[in-house]
Amino acid sequence: MKVLVMIKGDGADEDKIAPTDEMFRVMNVYNEQLVNAGIMLAGEGLQPSRAGAKVVWDTSGEVSVVDGPFAEAKEIIAGYWIWQVSSLDEAVEWAKRCPSTQGLRSVLEIRPFFEMEDFAQVVSPEVLEREQAIVDRLQAQQG
């Protein structure tokens, strides 16, 4: 099972978290453990929300763009991993081993990816084949 693990922090603390050499050292050890176990497929930290933007559709379909920072946000996604695990329980066990930033509240949210077979009852075989062709082409582009 493939899962997305989102590293979330309090939006009010976003500017208080500056990467340090020690933070990188500790996370490198953890990331090496994930890679050595064959679990980590990808992972990146994200710049603060002030460097980003939101594209928002309201209920009428009107589109607007909101530049960061996102002061109203209670939680900010600070980074992510993509893991390949045998179960949600395994992902939770790995997440519990993640180093944390002392003095700041953080949350790891784990969400499984949909698999093509999850849609077999609601999507026609032709649409699923076309989607799989897109996935295959993307994988070929990535090498």
N, C-alpha and C. Protein backbone atom coordinates (compact mmCIF):
# COMPACT_ATOMS: atom_id res chain seq x y z
N MET A 1 0.85 -1.16 0.00
CA MET A 1 0.00 0.00 0.00
C MET A 1 0.89 1.23 0.00
N LYS A 2 0.53 2.18 -0.84
CA LYS A 2 1.29 3.43 -0.91
C LYS A 2 0.54 4.48 -0.11
N VAL A 3 1.28 5.23 0.73
CA VAL A 3 0.66 6.25 1.56
C VAL A 3 1.41 7.57 1.43
N LEU A 4 0.65 8.65 1.62
CA LEU A 4 1.22 9.99 1.71
C LEU A 4 1.26 10.32 3.19
N VAL A 5 2.42 10.72 3.67
CA VAL A 5 2.58 11.14 5.06
C VAL A 5 2.86 12.64 5.03
N MET A 6 1.89 13.42 5.51
CA MET A 6 2.03 14.87 5.52
C MET A 6 2.54 15.33 6.88
N ILE A 7 3.57 16.16 6.86
CA ILE A 7 4.13 16.73 8.07
C ILE A 7 3.42 18.06 8.29
N LYS A 8 2.62 18.15 9.34
CA LYS A 8 1.83 19.34 9.58
C LYS A 8 2.31 20.03 10.85
N GLY A 9 2.25 21.34 10.80
CA GLY A 9 2.58 22.14 11.98
C GLY A 9 1.53 23.21 12.16
N ASP A 10 1.58 23.86 13.28
CA ASP A 10 0.66 24.95 13.58
C ASP A 10 1.02 26.14 12.70
N GLY A 11 0.04 26.69 12.00
CA GLY A 11 0.28 27.82 11.12
C GLY A 11 0.90 29.00 11.84
N ALA A 12 0.53 29.19 13.11
CA ALA A 12 1.08 30.31 13.88
C ALA A 12 2.56 30.13 14.17
N ASP A 13 3.06 28.90 14.13
CA ASP A 13 4.47 28.61 14.42
C ASP A 13 5.33 28.56 13.17
N GLU A 14 4.74 28.79 12.01
CA GLU A 14 5.45 28.58 10.75
C GLU A 14 6.77 29.34 10.68
N ASP A 15 6.79 30.58 11.10
CA ASP A 15 8.02 31.37 11.02
C ASP A 15 9.01 31.06 12.14
N LYS A 16 8.60 30.27 13.13
CA LYS A 16 9.48 29.92 14.24
C LYS A 16 10.37 28.73 13.92
N ILE A 17 10.05 28.05 12.83
CA ILE A 17 10.78 26.82 12.49
C ILE A 17 11.76 27.12 11.37
N ALA A 18 13.00 27.29 11.72
CA ALA A 18 14.05 27.48 10.71
C ALA A 18 14.90 26.23 10.71
N PRO A 19 15.13 25.64 9.55
CA PRO A 19 15.96 24.43 9.51
C PRO A 19 17.34 24.69 10.11
N THR A 20 17.81 23.73 10.88
CA THR A 20 19.14 23.83 11.48
C THR A 20 19.96 22.62 11.07
N ASP A 21 21.25 22.72 11.28
CA ASP A 21 22.15 21.61 11.00
C ASP A 21 21.74 20.38 11.81
N GLU A 22 21.41 20.58 13.08
CA GLU A 22 21.02 19.47 13.95
C GLU A 22 19.73 18.83 13.44
N MET A 23 18.76 19.65 13.01
CA MET A 23 17.50 19.12 12.49
C MET A 23 17.77 18.24 11.27
N PHE A 24 18.66 18.70 10.39
CA PHE A 24 19.00 17.90 9.21
C PHE A 24 19.68 16.60 9.60
N ARG A 25 20.57 16.65 10.57
CA ARG A 25 21.27 15.43 11.01
C ARG A 25 20.28 14.40 11.53
N VAL A 26 19.37 14.83 12.38
CA VAL A 26 18.40 13.92 12.98
C VAL A 26 17.47 13.35 11.91
N MET A 27 16.98 14.20 11.01
CA MET A 27 16.07 13.72 9.97
C MET A 27 16.79 12.83 8.96
N ASN A 28 18.07 13.11 8.70
CA ASN A 28 18.83 12.24 7.80
C ASN A 28 18.90 10.82 8.34
N VAL A 29 19.10 10.67 9.64
CA VAL A 29 19.15 9.34 10.25
C VAL A 29 17.81 8.63 10.04
N TYR A 30 16.73 9.35 10.31
CA TYR A 30 15.39 8.77 10.15
C TYR A 30 15.13 8.41 8.69
N ASN A 31 15.43 9.32 7.78
CA ASN A 31 15.22 9.05 6.36
C ASN A 31 16.05 7.87 5.88
N GLU A 32 17.28 7.74 6.37
CA GLU A 32 18.11 6.58 6.01
C GLU A 32 17.45 5.29 6.48
N GLN A 33 16.86 5.29 7.67
CA GLN A 33 16.17 4.11 8.17
C GLN A 33 15.00 3.75 7.24
N LEU A 34 14.25 4.77 6.81
CA LEU A 34 13.13 4.52 5.90
C LEU A 34 13.61 3.95 4.57
N VAL A 35 14.69 4.53 4.03
CA VAL A 35 15.23 4.06 2.75
C VAL A 35 15.77 2.64 2.90
N ASN A 36 16.53 2.40 3.96
CA ASN A 36 17.11 1.06 4.18
C ASN A 36 16.04 -0.01 4.35
N ALA A 37 14.88 0.38 4.89
CA ALA A 37 13.78 -0.57 5.06
C ALA A 37 12.96 -0.73 3.78
N GLY A 38 13.29 0.04 2.74
CA GLY A 38 12.57 -0.05 1.48
C GLY A 38 11.20 0.60 1.51
N ILE A 39 11.00 1.53 2.42
CA ILE A 39 9.69 2.15 2.60
C ILE A 39 9.58 3.50 1.90
N MET A 40 10.61 4.32 1.99
CA MET A 40 10.53 5.69 1.46
C MET A 40 10.68 5.70 -0.05
N LEU A 41 9.66 6.24 -0.73
CA LEU A 41 9.71 6.40 -2.18
C LEU A 41 10.08 7.83 -2.55
N ALA A 42 9.68 8.79 -1.72
CA ALA A 42 9.96 10.21 -1.98
C ALA A 42 9.74 10.98 -0.68
N GLY A 43 10.26 12.17 -0.64
CA GLY A 43 10.03 13.04 0.51
C GLY A 43 10.73 14.37 0.32
N GLU A 44 10.06 15.42 0.73
CA GLU A 44 10.60 16.77 0.58
C GLU A 44 10.05 17.64 1.68
N GLY A 45 10.82 18.66 2.04
CA GLY A 45 10.31 19.72 2.90
C GLY A 45 9.75 20.82 2.01
N LEU A 46 8.82 21.58 2.54
CA LEU A 46 8.19 22.65 1.78
C LEU A 46 8.58 24.01 2.36
N GLN A 47 8.73 24.99 1.49
CA GLN A 47 8.99 26.35 1.93
C GLN A 47 7.78 26.88 2.69
N PRO A 48 7.95 27.93 3.49
CA PRO A 48 6.82 28.50 4.23
C PRO A 48 5.70 28.94 3.30
N SER A 49 4.50 29.00 3.83
CA SER A 49 3.33 29.35 3.02
C SER A 49 3.45 30.74 2.40
N ARG A 50 4.25 31.62 2.94
CA ARG A 50 4.42 32.95 2.35
C ARG A 50 5.02 32.87 0.94
N ALA A 51 5.66 31.74 0.61
CA ALA A 51 6.24 31.56 -0.71
C ALA A 51 5.26 30.91 -1.68
N GLY A 52 4.06 30.59 -1.20
CA GLY A 52 3.11 29.86 -2.03
C GLY A 52 1.87 30.65 -2.39
N ALA A 53 0.91 29.97 -2.98
CA ALA A 53 -0.36 30.55 -3.37
C ALA A 53 -1.43 29.46 -3.30
N LYS A 54 -2.67 29.89 -3.16
CA LYS A 54 -3.82 28.99 -3.22
C LYS A 54 -4.69 29.40 -4.39
N VAL A 55 -5.16 28.44 -5.15
CA VAL A 55 -6.16 28.68 -6.18
C VAL A 55 -7.47 28.15 -5.61
N VAL A 56 -8.47 29.03 -5.52
CA VAL A 56 -9.71 28.71 -4.81
C VAL A 56 -10.91 28.84 -5.76
N TRP A 57 -11.76 27.81 -5.78
CA TRP A 57 -13.02 27.85 -6.52
C TRP A 57 -14.12 28.03 -5.49
N ASP A 58 -14.94 29.08 -5.64
CA ASP A 58 -16.07 29.23 -4.73
C ASP A 58 -17.24 28.39 -5.25
N THR A 59 -18.36 28.43 -4.54
CA THR A 59 -19.49 27.55 -4.89
C THR A 59 -20.10 27.87 -6.24
N SER A 60 -19.88 29.08 -6.74
CA SER A 60 -20.41 29.44 -8.06
C SER A 60 -19.46 29.06 -9.19
N GLY A 61 -18.27 28.56 -8.84
CA GLY A 61 -17.28 28.20 -9.84
C GLY A 61 -16.29 29.31 -10.13
N GLU A 62 -16.44 30.44 -9.46
CA GLU A 62 -15.52 31.57 -9.61
C GLU A 62 -14.15 31.18 -9.05
N VAL A 63 -13.09 31.55 -9.77
CA VAL A 63 -11.73 31.19 -9.36
C VAL A 63 -11.01 32.43 -8.85
N SER A 64 -10.32 32.27 -7.73
CA SER A 64 -9.49 33.36 -7.22
C SER A 64 -8.15 32.79 -6.77
N VAL A 65 -7.17 33.66 -6.67
CA VAL A 65 -5.84 33.26 -6.23
C VAL A 65 -5.52 34.03 -4.95
N VAL A 66 -5.07 33.30 -3.94
CA VAL A 66 -4.69 33.90 -2.66
C VAL A 66 -3.20 33.66 -2.47
N ASP A 67 -2.44 34.74 -2.38
CA ASP A 67 -1.01 34.61 -2.13
C ASP A 67 -0.76 34.34 -0.66
N GLY A 68 0.31 33.58 -0.37
CA GLY A 68 0.70 33.32 1.00
C GLY A 68 1.25 34.58 1.63
N PRO A 69 1.44 34.64 2.91
CA PRO A 69 1.24 33.53 3.86
C PRO A 69 -0.24 33.31 4.15
N PHE A 70 -0.53 32.11 4.61
CA PHE A 70 -1.90 31.73 4.90
C PHE A 70 -2.15 31.85 6.40
N ALA A 71 -2.30 33.08 6.85
CA ALA A 71 -2.41 33.38 8.28
C ALA A 71 -3.59 32.69 8.94
N GLU A 72 -4.67 32.50 8.17
CA GLU A 72 -5.87 31.90 8.75
C GLU A 72 -5.74 30.39 8.94
N ALA A 73 -4.71 29.81 8.38
CA ALA A 73 -4.54 28.35 8.45
C ALA A 73 -4.13 27.92 9.85
N LYS A 74 -4.87 26.95 10.39
CA LYS A 74 -4.50 26.40 11.69
C LYS A 74 -3.37 25.39 11.55
N GLU A 75 -3.36 24.70 10.43
CA GLU A 75 -2.30 23.73 10.17
C GLU A 75 -1.67 24.03 8.82
N ILE A 76 -0.37 23.94 8.76
CA ILE A 76 0.39 24.16 7.53
C ILE A 76 1.11 22.85 7.21
N ILE A 77 1.10 22.45 5.96
CA ILE A 77 1.87 21.28 5.56
C ILE A 77 3.30 21.73 5.34
N ALA A 78 4.22 21.20 6.14
CA ALA A 78 5.62 21.61 6.10
C ALA A 78 6.47 20.69 5.23
N GLY A 79 5.97 19.52 4.93
CA GLY A 79 6.70 18.56 4.12
C GLY A 79 5.89 17.28 3.97
N TYR A 80 6.48 16.33 3.28
CA TYR A 80 5.76 15.08 3.04
C TYR A 80 6.75 13.95 2.75
N TRP A 81 6.24 12.75 2.88
CA TRP A 81 6.90 11.54 2.40
C TRP A 81 5.87 10.74 1.61
N ILE A 82 6.35 9.94 0.70
CA ILE A 82 5.53 8.90 0.09
C ILE A 82 6.19 7.59 0.47
N TRP A 83 5.43 6.74 1.12
CA TRP A 83 5.94 5.46 1.61
C TRP A 83 5.21 4.31 0.96
N GLN A 84 5.93 3.20 0.81
CA GLN A 84 5.33 1.93 0.39
C GLN A 84 5.38 1.03 1.62
N VAL A 85 4.21 0.69 2.16
CA VAL A 85 4.13 -0.11 3.38
C VAL A 85 3.15 -1.26 3.17
N SER A 86 3.17 -2.21 4.07
CA SER A 86 2.26 -3.35 3.95
C SER A 86 0.87 -3.05 4.50
N SER A 87 0.78 -2.04 5.39
CA SER A 87 -0.51 -1.72 6.00
C SER A 87 -0.47 -0.32 6.62
N LEU A 88 -1.63 0.19 6.95
CA LEU A 88 -1.70 1.46 7.66
C LEU A 88 -1.02 1.35 9.02
N ASP A 89 -1.19 0.20 9.67
CA ASP A 89 -0.54 -0.01 10.97
C ASP A 89 0.98 0.12 10.86
N GLU A 90 1.57 -0.42 9.79
CA GLU A 90 3.01 -0.31 9.61
C GLU A 90 3.40 1.17 9.43
N ALA A 91 2.61 1.91 8.67
CA ALA A 91 2.90 3.34 8.47
C ALA A 91 2.83 4.08 9.80
N VAL A 92 1.84 3.77 10.60
CA VAL A 92 1.71 4.42 11.91
C VAL A 92 2.93 4.12 12.78
N GLU A 93 3.38 2.88 12.77
CA GLU A 93 4.56 2.52 13.58
C GLU A 93 5.79 3.30 13.14
N TRP A 94 6.00 3.44 11.82
CA TRP A 94 7.13 4.23 11.32
C TRP A 94 6.96 5.70 11.68
N ALA A 95 5.75 6.21 11.57
CA ALA A 95 5.50 7.62 11.89
C ALA A 95 5.79 7.92 13.35
N LYS A 96 5.48 6.99 14.23
CA LYS A 96 5.73 7.20 15.66
C LYS A 96 7.23 7.32 15.97
N ARG A 97 8.07 6.83 15.07
CA ARG A 97 9.53 6.90 15.26
C ARG A 97 10.13 8.21 14.74
N CYS A 98 9.32 9.03 14.09
CA CYS A 98 9.80 10.28 13.50
C CYS A 98 10.27 11.25 14.57
N PRO A 99 11.44 11.87 14.37
CA PRO A 99 11.88 12.89 15.33
C PRO A 99 10.93 14.09 15.29
N SER A 100 10.78 14.76 16.43
CA SER A 100 9.90 15.92 16.48
C SER A 100 10.71 17.16 16.87
N THR A 101 10.11 18.32 16.61
CA THR A 101 10.73 19.58 16.97
C THR A 101 10.27 19.93 18.38
N GLN A 102 11.19 19.99 19.32
CA GLN A 102 10.86 20.27 20.72
C GLN A 102 10.17 21.62 20.85
N GLY A 103 9.13 21.67 21.66
CA GLY A 103 8.44 22.91 21.95
C GLY A 103 7.39 23.31 20.94
N LEU A 104 7.28 22.59 19.84
CA LEU A 104 6.29 22.91 18.82
C LEU A 104 5.40 21.70 18.58
N ARG A 105 4.11 21.94 18.43
CA ARG A 105 3.18 20.85 18.13
C ARG A 105 3.27 20.52 16.65
N SER A 106 3.37 19.24 16.35
CA SER A 106 3.36 18.80 14.96
C SER A 106 2.53 17.54 14.85
N VAL A 107 2.08 17.28 13.64
CA VAL A 107 1.19 16.15 13.36
C VAL A 107 1.67 15.49 12.08
N LEU A 108 1.69 14.17 12.06
CA LEU A 108 1.90 13.43 10.82
C LEU A 108 0.55 12.83 10.43
N GLU A 109 0.03 13.26 9.29
CA GLU A 109 -1.22 12.71 8.78
C GLU A 109 -0.88 11.70 7.69
N ILE A 110 -1.43 10.51 7.81
CA ILE A 110 -1.15 9.41 6.87
C ILE A 110 -2.41 9.13 6.07
N ARG A 111 -2.28 9.19 4.75
CA ARG A 111 -3.43 8.96 3.88
C ARG A 111 -3.04 7.97 2.78
N PRO A 112 -3.77 6.85 2.68
CA PRO A 112 -3.50 5.90 1.61
C PRO A 112 -3.85 6.48 0.24
N PHE A 113 -3.07 6.09 -0.76
CA PHE A 113 -3.39 6.43 -2.14
C PHE A 113 -4.49 5.50 -2.63
N PHE A 114 -5.33 5.99 -3.54
CA PHE A 114 -6.25 5.10 -4.22
C PHE A 114 -5.45 4.20 -5.15
N GLU A 115 -5.91 2.99 -5.33
CA GLU A 115 -5.37 2.07 -6.32
C GLU A 115 -6.41 1.98 -7.43
N MET A 116 -5.98 1.67 -8.64
CA MET A 116 -6.92 1.58 -9.76
C MET A 116 -8.09 0.65 -9.46
N GLU A 117 -7.82 -0.47 -8.82
CA GLU A 117 -8.89 -1.43 -8.55
C GLU A 117 -9.95 -0.87 -7.58
N ASP A 118 -9.62 0.20 -6.83
CA ASP A 118 -10.61 0.82 -5.96
C ASP A 118 -11.76 1.42 -6.75
N PHE A 119 -11.54 1.71 -8.04
CA PHE A 119 -12.54 2.36 -8.86
C PHE A 119 -13.26 1.40 -9.81
N ALA A 120 -12.94 0.14 -9.76
CA ALA A 120 -13.48 -0.83 -10.71
C ALA A 120 -15.00 -0.88 -10.73
N GLN A 121 -15.64 -0.62 -9.60
CA GLN A 121 -17.11 -0.69 -9.52
C GLN A 121 -17.80 0.59 -10.00
N VAL A 122 -17.05 1.68 -10.15
CA VAL A 122 -17.69 2.96 -10.48
C VAL A 122 -17.20 3.59 -11.78
N VAL A 123 -16.12 3.06 -12.35
CA VAL A 123 -15.53 3.64 -13.55
C VAL A 123 -15.44 2.55 -14.62
N SER A 124 -15.73 2.92 -15.86
CA SER A 124 -15.72 1.94 -16.95
C SER A 124 -14.30 1.43 -17.19
N PRO A 125 -14.18 0.20 -17.72
CA PRO A 125 -12.85 -0.34 -18.02
C PRO A 125 -12.07 0.55 -18.99
N GLU A 126 -12.77 1.20 -19.92
CA GLU A 126 -12.09 2.07 -20.89
C GLU A 126 -11.44 3.27 -20.19
N VAL A 127 -12.15 3.86 -19.25
CA VAL A 127 -11.61 5.00 -18.50
C VAL A 127 -10.43 4.55 -17.64
N LEU A 128 -10.55 3.39 -17.02
CA LEU A 128 -9.45 2.86 -16.22
C LEU A 128 -8.22 2.57 -17.08
N GLU A 129 -8.42 2.03 -18.27
CA GLU A 129 -7.30 1.76 -19.18
C GLU A 129 -6.61 3.06 -19.58
N ARG A 130 -7.41 4.08 -19.87
CA ARG A 130 -6.83 5.37 -20.25
C ARG A 130 -6.03 5.97 -19.09
N GLU A 131 -6.57 5.87 -17.89
CA GLU A 131 -5.87 6.37 -16.70
C GLU A 131 -4.56 5.61 -16.51
N GLN A 132 -4.60 4.28 -16.67
CA GLN A 132 -3.39 3.48 -16.53
C GLN A 132 -2.36 3.86 -17.58
N ALA A 133 -2.80 4.17 -18.79
CA ALA A 133 -1.88 4.60 -19.84
C ALA A 133 -1.18 5.91 -19.46
N ILE A 134 -1.91 6.82 -18.82
CA ILE A 134 -1.30 8.06 -18.35
C ILE A 134 -0.26 7.77 -17.28
N VAL A 135 -0.60 6.91 -16.34
CA VAL A 135 0.34 6.53 -15.28
C VAL A 135 1.59 5.89 -15.87
N ASP A 136 1.40 4.99 -16.83
CA ASP A 136 2.54 4.33 -17.47
C ASP A 136 3.44 5.34 -18.19
N ARG A 137 2.81 6.28 -18.88
CA ARG A 137 3.58 7.31 -19.61
C ARG A 137 4.36 8.18 -18.63
N LEU A 138 3.76 8.54 -17.53
CA LEU A 138 4.44 9.33 -16.51
C LEU A 138 5.64 8.59 -15.94
N GLN A 139 5.47 7.32 -15.64
CA GLN A 139 6.59 6.52 -15.13
C GLN A 139 7.70 6.41 -16.13
N ALA A 140 7.38 6.29 -17.41
CA ALA A 140 8.39 6.22 -18.45
C ALA A 140 9.16 7.53 -18.56
N GLN A 141 8.47 8.65 -18.40
CA GLN A 141 9.12 9.96 -18.45
C GLN A 141 10.10 10.15 -17.29
N GLN A 142 9.78 9.55 -16.14
CA GLN A 142 10.61 9.72 -14.96
C GLN A 142 11.83 8.80 -14.99
N GLY A 143 11.89 7.93 -15.95
CA GLY A 143 13.10 7.16 -16.12
C GLY A 143 12.97 5.76 -15.76
